[in-house]
Amino acid sequence: MSKWLKHFITICKHKYYVFLECCKLGIPLQGLIHDTHKLYPNQFISSAKYWTGVGSPVEAERKTIGYSLSWRYHKGHPLGKHHWQYWTDIDGWDSEGRPKINPAPMPTKYIKEMVADMFGAARAYGAKDYKQSAREYYQAKSREWVLHPTTWRIFHKLMSRDCNDCSYDGIPDACPDHSYCFDLMTKPHFHLKAGLKYEGYNQDEF
């Protein structure tokens, strides 16, 4: 079987599992159209070339050429609004030579799709405990993310649902409803009790 067909099957599996997760979160229509643009030629061809079956072809492409053409297209497309990078504004460089990244708040429906995307990806790649696998990926990668404080709050709440380990990452019995199941103390804007507000969000929704 060619890697082109294998990549197509992987996309379909991912879309199926993301749809199931989106249904759990009350956004089935977003689940239906999730990542449809992965099948567009300008993304599919590039990704299929770097398909491995054990991880994202985006990472394989980055390791090979230093960046990913398919990812540049994917994250900026209107169907890519479930990626936090879509909601960032890069505004020059700071005094230490690092890019200044200004995050805008993500609408709740796209935060839900982002969570579904992570769980769906873990299922598509065969993780036995897909929720734990997605949370471990998040734990490893989130220190590199730049999200609006309100986005962090909602995202953490959704990621920690059904989590029974309140000593996760060394925070024993952090709270009874598991909203501190991750290392929330590594960044000031991780803190869910900071009382951060943003117009348009229902702070009690979750």
N, C-alpha and C. Protein backbone atom coordinates (compact mmCIF):
# COMPACT_ATOMS: atom_id res chain seq x y z
N MET A 1 0.85 -1.19 0.00
CA MET A 1 0.00 0.00 0.00
C MET A 1 0.89 1.25 0.00
N SER A 2 0.63 2.18 -0.88
CA SER A 2 1.45 3.38 -0.99
C SER A 2 1.25 4.29 0.22
N LYS A 3 2.25 5.12 0.48
CA LYS A 3 2.14 6.03 1.62
C LYS A 3 1.06 7.08 1.38
N TRP A 4 0.72 7.34 0.11
CA TRP A 4 -0.35 8.28 -0.20
C TRP A 4 -1.69 7.76 0.31
N LEU A 5 -1.93 6.47 0.05
CA LEU A 5 -3.17 5.85 0.52
C LEU A 5 -3.16 5.71 2.04
N LYS A 6 -2.02 5.37 2.59
CA LYS A 6 -1.90 5.24 4.05
C LYS A 6 -2.16 6.57 4.74
N HIS A 7 -1.64 7.63 4.14
CA HIS A 7 -1.87 8.97 4.71
C HIS A 7 -3.35 9.33 4.64
N PHE A 8 -4.00 9.00 3.55
CA PHE A 8 -5.43 9.27 3.40
C PHE A 8 -6.22 8.51 4.47
N ILE A 9 -5.87 7.26 4.72
CA ILE A 9 -6.55 6.45 5.73
C ILE A 9 -6.33 7.05 7.12
N THR A 10 -5.11 7.53 7.39
CA THR A 10 -4.80 8.15 8.68
C THR A 10 -5.66 9.39 8.90
N ILE A 11 -5.79 10.20 7.86
CA ILE A 11 -6.63 11.41 7.96
C ILE A 11 -8.07 11.03 8.27
N CYS A 12 -8.58 10.02 7.58
CA CYS A 12 -9.97 9.60 7.80
C CYS A 12 -10.18 9.07 9.21
N LYS A 13 -9.21 8.30 9.71
CA LYS A 13 -9.30 7.80 11.08
C LYS A 13 -9.30 8.96 12.06
N HIS A 14 -8.42 9.91 11.83
CA HIS A 14 -8.33 11.07 12.72
C HIS A 14 -9.65 11.85 12.70
N LYS A 15 -10.18 12.10 11.51
CA LYS A 15 -11.42 12.85 11.41
C LYS A 15 -12.56 12.11 12.11
N TYR A 16 -12.59 10.80 12.00
CA TYR A 16 -13.64 10.01 12.65
C TYR A 16 -13.57 10.14 14.17
N TYR A 17 -12.38 9.99 14.73
CA TYR A 17 -12.24 10.07 16.19
C TYR A 17 -12.47 11.49 16.70
N VAL A 18 -12.04 12.48 15.93
CA VAL A 18 -12.30 13.86 16.34
C VAL A 18 -13.80 14.14 16.31
N PHE A 19 -14.49 13.60 15.33
CA PHE A 19 -15.94 13.77 15.27
C PHE A 19 -16.60 13.20 16.52
N LEU A 20 -16.17 12.02 16.96
CA LEU A 20 -16.74 11.42 18.17
C LEU A 20 -16.50 12.30 19.38
N GLU A 21 -15.28 12.87 19.49
CA GLU A 21 -14.97 13.74 20.62
C GLU A 21 -15.74 15.05 20.54
N CYS A 22 -15.93 15.56 19.33
CA CYS A 22 -16.70 16.80 19.16
C CYS A 22 -18.16 16.59 19.56
N CYS A 23 -18.69 15.41 19.27
CA CYS A 23 -20.06 15.11 19.67
C CYS A 23 -20.19 15.14 21.19
N LYS A 24 -19.19 14.63 21.89
CA LYS A 24 -19.20 14.64 23.35
C LYS A 24 -19.19 16.07 23.89
N LEU A 25 -18.58 16.96 23.13
CA LEU A 25 -18.46 18.35 23.56
C LEU A 25 -19.55 19.25 23.00
N GLY A 26 -20.49 18.66 22.29
CA GLY A 26 -21.64 19.42 21.81
C GLY A 26 -21.41 20.23 20.55
N ILE A 27 -20.39 19.86 19.74
CA ILE A 27 -20.10 20.59 18.50
C ILE A 27 -19.98 19.61 17.33
N PRO A 28 -21.02 18.82 17.04
CA PRO A 28 -20.92 17.80 16.00
C PRO A 28 -20.65 18.36 14.60
N LEU A 29 -21.20 19.52 14.26
CA LEU A 29 -20.97 20.07 12.93
C LEU A 29 -19.49 20.41 12.71
N GLN A 30 -18.84 20.93 13.75
CA GLN A 30 -17.41 21.19 13.63
C GLN A 30 -16.64 19.89 13.46
N GLY A 31 -17.13 18.84 14.12
CA GLY A 31 -16.49 17.54 13.97
C GLY A 31 -16.60 17.02 12.55
N LEU A 32 -17.70 17.31 11.88
CA LEU A 32 -17.89 16.84 10.50
C LEU A 32 -16.91 17.49 9.53
N ILE A 33 -16.66 18.78 9.72
CA ILE A 33 -15.79 19.49 8.77
C ILE A 33 -14.35 19.59 9.24
N HIS A 34 -14.06 19.04 10.43
CA HIS A 34 -12.72 19.16 11.01
C HIS A 34 -11.64 18.66 10.04
N ASP A 35 -10.63 19.50 9.83
CA ASP A 35 -9.44 19.15 9.04
C ASP A 35 -9.75 18.71 7.61
N THR A 36 -10.89 19.12 7.08
CA THR A 36 -11.19 18.77 5.69
C THR A 36 -10.13 19.30 4.74
N HIS A 37 -9.52 20.41 5.10
CA HIS A 37 -8.50 21.00 4.21
C HIS A 37 -7.21 20.18 4.16
N LYS A 38 -7.08 19.17 5.02
CA LYS A 38 -5.93 18.27 4.90
C LYS A 38 -5.97 17.48 3.60
N LEU A 39 -7.15 17.40 2.99
CA LEU A 39 -7.31 16.66 1.74
C LEU A 39 -7.09 17.54 0.52
N TYR A 40 -6.90 18.84 0.72
CA TYR A 40 -6.64 19.73 -0.40
C TYR A 40 -5.23 19.43 -0.95
N PRO A 41 -5.04 19.49 -2.25
CA PRO A 41 -3.74 19.10 -2.85
C PRO A 41 -2.54 19.82 -2.26
N ASN A 42 -2.66 21.14 -2.03
CA ASN A 42 -1.50 21.89 -1.55
C ASN A 42 -1.09 21.51 -0.14
N GLN A 43 -1.92 20.77 0.58
CA GLN A 43 -1.52 20.26 1.89
C GLN A 43 -1.32 18.75 1.87
N PHE A 44 -2.19 18.04 1.18
CA PHE A 44 -2.12 16.58 1.17
C PHE A 44 -0.82 16.07 0.57
N ILE A 45 -0.40 16.65 -0.55
CA ILE A 45 0.80 16.18 -1.24
C ILE A 45 2.04 16.34 -0.35
N SER A 46 2.16 17.50 0.27
CA SER A 46 3.31 17.75 1.14
C SER A 46 3.32 16.82 2.34
N SER A 47 2.16 16.61 2.95
CA SER A 47 2.08 15.77 4.15
C SER A 47 2.30 14.30 3.82
N ALA A 48 1.71 13.84 2.71
CA ALA A 48 1.85 12.43 2.34
C ALA A 48 3.31 12.06 2.10
N LYS A 49 4.07 13.00 1.60
CA LYS A 49 5.49 12.76 1.32
C LYS A 49 6.24 12.39 2.59
N TYR A 50 5.80 12.94 3.73
CA TYR A 50 6.50 12.72 5.00
C TYR A 50 5.71 11.82 5.96
N TRP A 51 4.74 11.08 5.43
CA TRP A 51 3.95 10.18 6.27
C TRP A 51 4.82 9.06 6.83
N THR A 52 4.65 8.76 8.12
CA THR A 52 5.39 7.67 8.75
C THR A 52 4.46 6.66 9.43
N GLY A 53 3.26 7.11 9.82
CA GLY A 53 2.32 6.22 10.49
C GLY A 53 2.44 6.19 11.99
N VAL A 54 3.48 6.81 12.53
CA VAL A 54 3.69 6.79 13.98
C VAL A 54 3.66 8.19 14.59
N GLY A 55 3.43 9.19 13.79
CA GLY A 55 3.39 10.56 14.28
C GLY A 55 3.02 11.50 13.15
N SER A 56 2.92 12.77 13.49
CA SER A 56 2.50 13.76 12.51
C SER A 56 3.55 13.94 11.41
N PRO A 57 3.12 13.96 10.15
CA PRO A 57 4.07 14.25 9.06
C PRO A 57 4.62 15.67 9.15
N VAL A 58 3.94 16.54 9.86
CA VAL A 58 4.43 17.91 10.04
C VAL A 58 5.77 17.88 10.76
N GLU A 59 5.87 17.08 11.82
CA GLU A 59 7.12 16.98 12.56
C GLU A 59 8.22 16.37 11.71
N ALA A 60 7.87 15.37 10.91
CA ALA A 60 8.86 14.73 10.04
C ALA A 60 9.37 15.71 8.99
N GLU A 61 8.48 16.54 8.46
CA GLU A 61 8.88 17.54 7.47
C GLU A 61 9.79 18.59 8.10
N ARG A 62 9.46 19.00 9.33
CA ARG A 62 10.30 19.97 10.03
C ARG A 62 11.70 19.44 10.26
N LYS A 63 11.79 18.17 10.65
CA LYS A 63 13.10 17.58 10.91
C LYS A 63 13.92 17.47 9.63
N THR A 64 13.23 17.33 8.50
CA THR A 64 13.92 17.15 7.23
C THR A 64 14.38 18.45 6.60
N ILE A 65 13.49 19.44 6.54
CA ILE A 65 13.82 20.70 5.83
C ILE A 65 13.82 21.92 6.75
N GLY A 66 13.48 21.74 8.03
CA GLY A 66 13.54 22.85 8.98
C GLY A 66 12.24 23.60 9.18
N TYR A 67 11.24 23.31 8.39
CA TYR A 67 9.93 23.94 8.53
C TYR A 67 8.92 23.04 7.81
N SER A 68 7.65 23.38 7.92
CA SER A 68 6.62 22.56 7.28
C SER A 68 5.73 23.42 6.40
N LEU A 69 5.75 23.14 5.12
CA LEU A 69 4.90 23.86 4.18
C LEU A 69 3.43 23.54 4.43
N SER A 70 3.14 22.27 4.72
CA SER A 70 1.74 21.88 4.94
C SER A 70 1.18 22.54 6.20
N TRP A 71 2.03 22.67 7.24
CA TRP A 71 1.56 23.29 8.48
C TRP A 71 1.29 24.78 8.28
N ARG A 72 2.13 25.45 7.51
CA ARG A 72 1.93 26.87 7.24
C ARG A 72 0.56 27.10 6.59
N TYR A 73 0.19 26.20 5.71
CA TYR A 73 -1.12 26.32 5.07
C TYR A 73 -2.23 25.93 6.04
N HIS A 74 -2.03 24.85 6.78
CA HIS A 74 -3.06 24.27 7.64
C HIS A 74 -3.51 25.22 8.74
N LYS A 75 -2.56 25.79 9.47
CA LYS A 75 -2.90 26.61 10.64
C LYS A 75 -3.55 27.94 10.26
N GLY A 76 -3.27 28.44 9.05
CA GLY A 76 -3.80 29.74 8.66
C GLY A 76 -5.11 29.68 7.90
N HIS A 77 -5.56 28.49 7.57
CA HIS A 77 -6.79 28.31 6.82
C HIS A 77 -7.99 28.55 7.75
N PRO A 78 -9.14 29.03 7.22
CA PRO A 78 -10.32 29.21 8.07
C PRO A 78 -10.76 27.95 8.81
N LEU A 79 -10.43 26.77 8.28
CA LEU A 79 -10.75 25.52 8.98
C LEU A 79 -9.71 25.18 10.03
N GLY A 80 -8.71 26.03 10.18
CA GLY A 80 -7.66 25.78 11.17
C GLY A 80 -7.82 26.61 12.44
N LYS A 81 -9.02 27.11 12.69
CA LYS A 81 -9.23 27.99 13.84
C LYS A 81 -9.16 27.26 15.17
N HIS A 82 -9.09 25.94 15.15
CA HIS A 82 -8.94 25.18 16.40
C HIS A 82 -7.48 25.08 16.84
N HIS A 83 -6.59 25.68 16.08
CA HIS A 83 -5.18 25.73 16.46
C HIS A 83 -4.88 27.08 17.11
N TRP A 84 -4.18 27.05 18.25
CA TRP A 84 -3.92 28.31 18.97
C TRP A 84 -3.09 29.26 18.12
N GLN A 85 -2.26 28.71 17.21
CA GLN A 85 -1.41 29.58 16.39
C GLN A 85 -2.23 30.49 15.48
N TYR A 86 -3.43 30.07 15.13
CA TYR A 86 -4.31 30.90 14.29
C TYR A 86 -4.63 32.22 14.99
N TRP A 87 -4.66 32.19 16.31
CA TRP A 87 -5.12 33.33 17.11
C TRP A 87 -3.97 34.16 17.67
N THR A 88 -2.80 34.07 17.06
CA THR A 88 -1.65 34.84 17.54
C THR A 88 -1.26 35.91 16.53
N ASP A 89 -0.71 36.98 17.07
CA ASP A 89 -0.24 38.10 16.27
C ASP A 89 1.23 38.33 16.60
N ILE A 90 2.10 38.13 15.64
CA ILE A 90 3.54 38.34 15.85
C ILE A 90 3.88 39.78 15.50
N ASP A 91 4.43 40.49 16.49
CA ASP A 91 4.66 41.93 16.34
C ASP A 91 6.12 42.26 16.64
N GLY A 92 7.00 41.92 15.71
CA GLY A 92 8.41 42.27 15.85
C GLY A 92 9.14 41.41 16.87
N TRP A 93 10.18 42.01 17.47
CA TRP A 93 11.08 41.29 18.37
C TRP A 93 11.26 42.06 19.66
N ASP A 94 11.46 41.33 20.76
CA ASP A 94 11.69 42.01 22.03
C ASP A 94 13.17 42.33 22.21
N SER A 95 13.53 42.89 23.36
CA SER A 95 14.91 43.32 23.59
C SER A 95 15.89 42.15 23.66
N GLU A 96 15.38 40.93 23.89
CA GLU A 96 16.24 39.76 23.97
C GLU A 96 16.27 38.99 22.66
N GLY A 97 15.70 39.56 21.61
CA GLY A 97 15.76 38.93 20.30
C GLY A 97 14.73 37.84 20.08
N ARG A 98 13.71 37.79 20.92
CA ARG A 98 12.66 36.80 20.76
C ARG A 98 11.44 37.45 20.11
N PRO A 99 10.69 36.69 19.30
CA PRO A 99 9.50 37.28 18.67
C PRO A 99 8.44 37.63 19.71
N LYS A 100 7.82 38.79 19.53
CA LYS A 100 6.73 39.21 20.41
C LYS A 100 5.42 38.62 19.86
N ILE A 101 4.85 37.69 20.61
CA ILE A 101 3.64 37.01 20.18
C ILE A 101 2.48 37.44 21.07
N ASN A 102 1.48 38.06 20.46
CA ASN A 102 0.32 38.54 21.20
C ASN A 102 -0.87 37.62 20.94
N PRO A 103 -1.34 36.87 21.95
CA PRO A 103 -2.46 35.96 21.73
C PRO A 103 -3.81 36.65 21.86
N ALA A 104 -4.70 36.35 20.94
CA ALA A 104 -6.09 36.79 21.05
C ALA A 104 -6.90 35.65 21.68
N PRO A 105 -8.00 35.97 22.36
CA PRO A 105 -8.81 34.91 22.96
C PRO A 105 -9.48 34.05 21.89
N MET A 106 -9.50 32.74 22.12
CA MET A 106 -10.18 31.82 21.21
C MET A 106 -11.64 31.67 21.61
N PRO A 107 -12.57 31.71 20.67
CA PRO A 107 -13.97 31.39 20.99
C PRO A 107 -14.07 29.98 21.57
N THR A 108 -15.00 29.78 22.46
CA THR A 108 -15.12 28.52 23.17
C THR A 108 -15.27 27.33 22.22
N LYS A 109 -16.00 27.49 21.15
CA LYS A 109 -16.24 26.35 20.25
C LYS A 109 -14.94 25.85 19.62
N TYR A 110 -13.99 26.75 19.41
CA TYR A 110 -12.72 26.32 18.83
C TYR A 110 -11.79 25.73 19.89
N ILE A 111 -11.94 26.17 21.12
CA ILE A 111 -11.18 25.54 22.21
C ILE A 111 -11.66 24.09 22.37
N LYS A 112 -12.96 23.89 22.29
CA LYS A 112 -13.51 22.53 22.36
C LYS A 112 -12.97 21.67 21.22
N GLU A 113 -12.91 22.24 20.02
CA GLU A 113 -12.40 21.49 18.88
C GLU A 113 -10.92 21.18 19.05
N MET A 114 -10.18 22.07 19.68
CA MET A 114 -8.76 21.83 19.93
C MET A 114 -8.57 20.64 20.86
N VAL A 115 -9.41 20.56 21.90
CA VAL A 115 -9.36 19.42 22.82
C VAL A 115 -9.73 18.14 22.08
N ALA A 116 -10.80 18.19 21.28
CA ALA A 116 -11.21 17.02 20.50
C ALA A 116 -10.11 16.59 19.54
N ASP A 117 -9.41 17.56 18.98
CA ASP A 117 -8.32 17.27 18.05
C ASP A 117 -7.20 16.50 18.75
N MET A 118 -6.86 16.89 19.96
CA MET A 118 -5.78 16.21 20.68
C MET A 118 -6.18 14.79 21.07
N PHE A 119 -7.40 14.62 21.58
CA PHE A 119 -7.85 13.29 21.93
C PHE A 119 -8.01 12.41 20.68
N GLY A 120 -8.54 13.01 19.61
CA GLY A 120 -8.73 12.26 18.37
C GLY A 120 -7.42 11.83 17.75
N ALA A 121 -6.40 12.67 17.82
CA ALA A 121 -5.09 12.31 17.29
C ALA A 121 -4.49 11.15 18.06
N ALA A 122 -4.63 11.17 19.38
CA ALA A 122 -4.10 10.08 20.20
C ALA A 122 -4.79 8.76 19.85
N ARG A 123 -6.09 8.80 19.62
CA ARG A 123 -6.82 7.59 19.24
C ARG A 123 -6.41 7.12 17.85
N ALA A 124 -6.25 8.05 16.94
CA ALA A 124 -5.90 7.68 15.56
C ALA A 124 -4.54 7.01 15.48
N TYR A 125 -3.61 7.41 16.36
CA TYR A 125 -2.28 6.81 16.35
C TYR A 125 -2.15 5.63 17.30
N GLY A 126 -3.30 5.13 17.79
CA GLY A 126 -3.32 3.86 18.49
C GLY A 126 -2.96 3.86 19.95
N ALA A 127 -3.06 5.01 20.63
CA ALA A 127 -2.74 5.05 22.06
C ALA A 127 -3.75 4.20 22.85
N LYS A 128 -3.25 3.36 23.76
CA LYS A 128 -4.13 2.51 24.55
C LYS A 128 -5.02 3.35 25.48
N ASP A 129 -4.41 4.29 26.17
CA ASP A 129 -5.15 5.23 27.01
C ASP A 129 -5.04 6.58 26.32
N TYR A 130 -5.94 6.84 25.40
CA TYR A 130 -5.78 8.01 24.55
C TYR A 130 -5.88 9.33 25.31
N LYS A 131 -6.71 9.37 26.36
CA LYS A 131 -6.83 10.59 27.13
C LYS A 131 -5.53 10.90 27.88
N GLN A 132 -4.96 9.87 28.48
CA GLN A 132 -3.70 10.06 29.19
C GLN A 132 -2.60 10.44 28.22
N SER A 133 -2.59 9.80 27.05
CA SER A 133 -1.58 10.11 26.04
C SER A 133 -1.68 11.56 25.59
N ALA A 134 -2.92 12.03 25.37
CA ALA A 134 -3.12 13.42 24.95
C ALA A 134 -2.69 14.38 26.04
N ARG A 135 -2.97 14.05 27.30
CA ARG A 135 -2.59 14.92 28.41
C ARG A 135 -1.08 14.96 28.59
N GLU A 136 -0.41 13.84 28.36
CA GLU A 136 1.05 13.83 28.46
C GLU A 136 1.68 14.65 27.34
N TYR A 137 1.09 14.58 26.15
CA TYR A 137 1.56 15.41 25.04
C TYR A 137 1.38 16.89 25.38
N TYR A 138 0.22 17.20 25.92
CA TYR A 138 -0.07 18.58 26.32
C TYR A 138 0.89 19.05 27.39
N GLN A 139 1.16 18.18 28.36
CA GLN A 139 2.07 18.53 29.44
C GLN A 139 3.47 18.85 28.91
N ALA A 140 3.89 18.09 27.90
CA ALA A 140 5.23 18.28 27.34
C ALA A 140 5.31 19.51 26.44
N LYS A 141 4.23 19.80 25.71
CA LYS A 141 4.28 20.85 24.70
C LYS A 141 3.77 22.21 25.17
N SER A 142 2.93 22.24 26.21
CA SER A 142 2.22 23.47 26.55
C SER A 142 3.13 24.61 26.98
N ARG A 143 4.32 24.31 27.48
CA ARG A 143 5.24 25.37 27.90
C ARG A 143 5.72 26.20 26.71
N GLU A 144 5.51 25.68 25.50
CA GLU A 144 5.90 26.40 24.30
C GLU A 144 4.73 27.20 23.72
N TRP A 145 3.55 27.01 24.27
CA TRP A 145 2.35 27.64 23.71
C TRP A 145 2.15 29.05 24.24
N VAL A 146 1.49 29.87 23.43
CA VAL A 146 1.16 31.24 23.83
C VAL A 146 -0.34 31.42 23.65
N LEU A 147 -1.07 31.32 24.74
CA LEU A 147 -2.52 31.44 24.72
C LEU A 147 -2.98 32.61 25.58
N HIS A 148 -4.12 33.16 25.21
CA HIS A 148 -4.75 34.19 26.03
C HIS A 148 -5.14 33.58 27.37
N PRO A 149 -5.06 34.33 28.47
CA PRO A 149 -5.39 33.77 29.80
C PRO A 149 -6.75 33.09 29.88
N THR A 150 -7.76 33.68 29.26
CA THR A 150 -9.09 33.06 29.30
C THR A 150 -9.11 31.76 28.52
N THR A 151 -8.36 31.71 27.43
CA THR A 151 -8.26 30.47 26.66
C THR A 151 -7.62 29.38 27.50
N TRP A 152 -6.57 29.73 28.25
CA TRP A 152 -5.93 28.75 29.14
C TRP A 152 -6.95 28.18 30.11
N ARG A 153 -7.74 29.06 30.69
CA ARG A 153 -8.68 28.63 31.73
C ARG A 153 -9.67 27.59 31.19
N ILE A 154 -10.29 27.90 30.07
CA ILE A 154 -11.29 27.01 29.49
C ILE A 154 -10.64 25.72 28.99
N PHE A 155 -9.47 25.85 28.36
CA PHE A 155 -8.79 24.68 27.82
C PHE A 155 -8.40 23.71 28.93
N HIS A 156 -7.86 24.23 30.03
CA HIS A 156 -7.49 23.37 31.15
C HIS A 156 -8.70 22.66 31.73
N LYS A 157 -9.78 23.39 31.84
CA LYS A 157 -10.99 22.80 32.40
C LYS A 157 -11.47 21.64 31.55
N LEU A 158 -11.43 21.80 30.24
CA LEU A 158 -11.86 20.75 29.33
C LEU A 158 -10.88 19.58 29.30
N MET A 159 -9.59 19.87 29.32
CA MET A 159 -8.60 18.80 29.28
C MET A 159 -8.61 17.96 30.55
N SER A 160 -9.00 18.55 31.66
CA SER A 160 -8.94 17.84 32.94
C SER A 160 -10.25 17.14 33.29
N ARG A 161 -11.25 17.23 32.41
CA ARG A 161 -12.49 16.53 32.70
C ARG A 161 -12.24 15.02 32.70
N ASP A 162 -12.89 14.31 33.58
CA ASP A 162 -12.75 12.86 33.73
C ASP A 162 -11.38 12.45 34.23
N CYS A 163 -10.59 13.41 34.70
CA CYS A 163 -9.27 13.07 35.22
C CYS A 163 -9.39 12.75 36.70
N ASN A 164 -8.90 11.60 37.10
CA ASN A 164 -9.05 11.15 38.49
C ASN A 164 -7.78 11.30 39.31
N ASP A 165 -6.76 11.90 38.73
CA ASP A 165 -5.48 11.99 39.43
C ASP A 165 -5.20 13.44 39.81
N CYS A 166 -5.59 13.83 41.01
CA CYS A 166 -5.36 15.21 41.42
C CYS A 166 -3.97 15.43 41.97
N SER A 167 -3.10 14.42 41.91
CA SER A 167 -1.70 14.63 42.27
C SER A 167 -0.86 14.75 41.01
N TYR A 168 -1.53 14.93 39.87
CA TYR A 168 -0.84 15.01 38.58
C TYR A 168 0.25 16.08 38.61
N ASP A 169 1.42 15.67 38.21
CA ASP A 169 2.58 16.57 38.12
C ASP A 169 2.91 17.21 39.46
N GLY A 170 2.73 16.44 40.53
CA GLY A 170 3.22 16.88 41.83
C GLY A 170 2.36 17.91 42.52
N ILE A 171 1.09 18.02 42.20
CA ILE A 171 0.21 18.95 42.88
C ILE A 171 -0.83 18.13 43.64
N PRO A 172 -0.54 17.72 44.87
CA PRO A 172 -1.44 16.83 45.59
C PRO A 172 -2.75 17.50 45.98
N ASP A 173 -3.85 16.82 45.67
CA ASP A 173 -5.18 17.27 46.07
C ASP A 173 -5.39 18.76 45.80
N ALA A 174 -5.03 19.17 44.61
CA ALA A 174 -5.07 20.60 44.29
C ALA A 174 -6.47 21.18 44.35
N CYS A 175 -7.45 20.43 43.91
CA CYS A 175 -8.81 20.92 43.98
C CYS A 175 -9.76 19.76 43.77
N PRO A 176 -10.96 19.82 44.29
CA PRO A 176 -11.89 18.69 44.19
C PRO A 176 -12.45 18.44 42.81
N ASP A 177 -12.46 19.46 41.94
CA ASP A 177 -13.07 19.24 40.63
C ASP A 177 -12.02 19.01 39.54
N HIS A 178 -10.79 18.75 39.93
CA HIS A 178 -9.70 18.35 39.03
C HIS A 178 -9.22 19.45 38.09
N SER A 179 -9.62 20.71 38.30
CA SER A 179 -9.20 21.74 37.37
C SER A 179 -7.73 22.12 37.53
N TYR A 180 -7.06 21.51 38.50
CA TYR A 180 -5.62 21.73 38.65
C TYR A 180 -4.82 20.46 38.37
N CYS A 181 -5.34 19.58 37.55
CA CYS A 181 -4.67 18.30 37.32
C CYS A 181 -3.35 18.44 36.56
N PHE A 182 -3.05 19.63 36.06
CA PHE A 182 -1.81 19.85 35.36
C PHE A 182 -0.96 20.86 36.13
N ASP A 183 0.24 21.03 35.70
CA ASP A 183 1.17 21.92 36.39
C ASP A 183 0.81 23.36 36.08
N LEU A 184 -0.16 23.89 36.79
CA LEU A 184 -0.66 25.22 36.49
C LEU A 184 0.24 26.32 37.04
N MET A 185 1.22 25.94 37.82
CA MET A 185 2.04 26.95 38.49
C MET A 185 3.27 27.34 37.67
N THR A 186 3.45 26.76 36.49
CA THR A 186 4.64 27.05 35.71
C THR A 186 4.55 28.40 35.00
N LYS A 187 3.32 28.89 34.81
CA LYS A 187 3.14 30.19 34.17
C LYS A 187 2.13 30.99 34.97
N PRO A 188 2.34 32.28 35.16
CA PRO A 188 1.37 33.08 35.90
C PRO A 188 -0.03 33.02 35.29
N HIS A 189 -0.11 33.01 33.95
CA HIS A 189 -1.42 33.05 33.32
C HIS A 189 -2.06 31.67 33.22
N PHE A 190 -1.43 30.64 33.81
CA PHE A 190 -2.08 29.34 33.92
C PHE A 190 -3.12 29.34 35.03
N HIS A 191 -2.98 30.24 35.98
CA HIS A 191 -3.72 30.13 37.23
C HIS A 191 -5.21 30.37 37.02
N LEU A 192 -6.02 29.33 37.27
CA LEU A 192 -7.44 29.42 36.99
C LEU A 192 -8.20 30.29 37.98
N LYS A 193 -7.59 30.57 39.11
CA LYS A 193 -8.27 31.36 40.13
C LYS A 193 -7.82 32.82 40.12
N ALA A 194 -7.22 33.23 39.02
CA ALA A 194 -6.71 34.59 38.93
C ALA A 194 -7.82 35.60 38.72
N GLY A 195 -9.04 35.12 38.45
CA GLY A 195 -10.16 36.03 38.28
C GLY A 195 -10.13 36.78 36.97
N LEU A 196 -9.47 36.22 35.95
CA LEU A 196 -9.35 36.89 34.68
C LEU A 196 -10.68 36.88 33.95
N LYS A 197 -11.02 38.00 33.36
CA LYS A 197 -12.30 38.14 32.67
C LYS A 197 -12.05 38.55 31.22
N TYR A 198 -12.97 38.14 30.37
CA TYR A 198 -12.93 38.64 28.99
C TYR A 198 -14.36 38.71 28.48
N GLU A 199 -14.74 39.83 27.93
CA GLU A 199 -16.09 40.03 27.48
C GLU A 199 -16.45 39.00 26.40
N GLY A 200 -17.61 38.40 26.54
CA GLY A 200 -18.04 37.41 25.56
C GLY A 200 -17.94 36.00 26.07
N TYR A 201 -17.27 35.78 27.20
CA TYR A 201 -17.14 34.46 27.78
C TYR A 201 -18.01 34.36 29.03
N ASN A 202 -18.64 33.23 29.18
CA ASN A 202 -19.36 32.93 30.41
C ASN A 202 -18.40 32.20 31.33
N GLN A 203 -17.94 32.89 32.37
CA GLN A 203 -16.93 32.34 33.24
C GLN A 203 -17.41 31.09 33.99
N ASP A 204 -18.71 30.92 34.11
CA ASP A 204 -19.25 29.77 34.83
C ASP A 204 -19.69 28.65 33.91
N GLU A 205 -19.39 28.77 32.61
CA GLU A 205 -19.87 27.80 31.65
C GLU A 205 -19.35 26.40 31.94
N PHE A 206 -18.14 26.32 32.45
CA PHE A 206 -17.55 25.02 32.72
C PHE A 206 -17.42 24.79 34.21
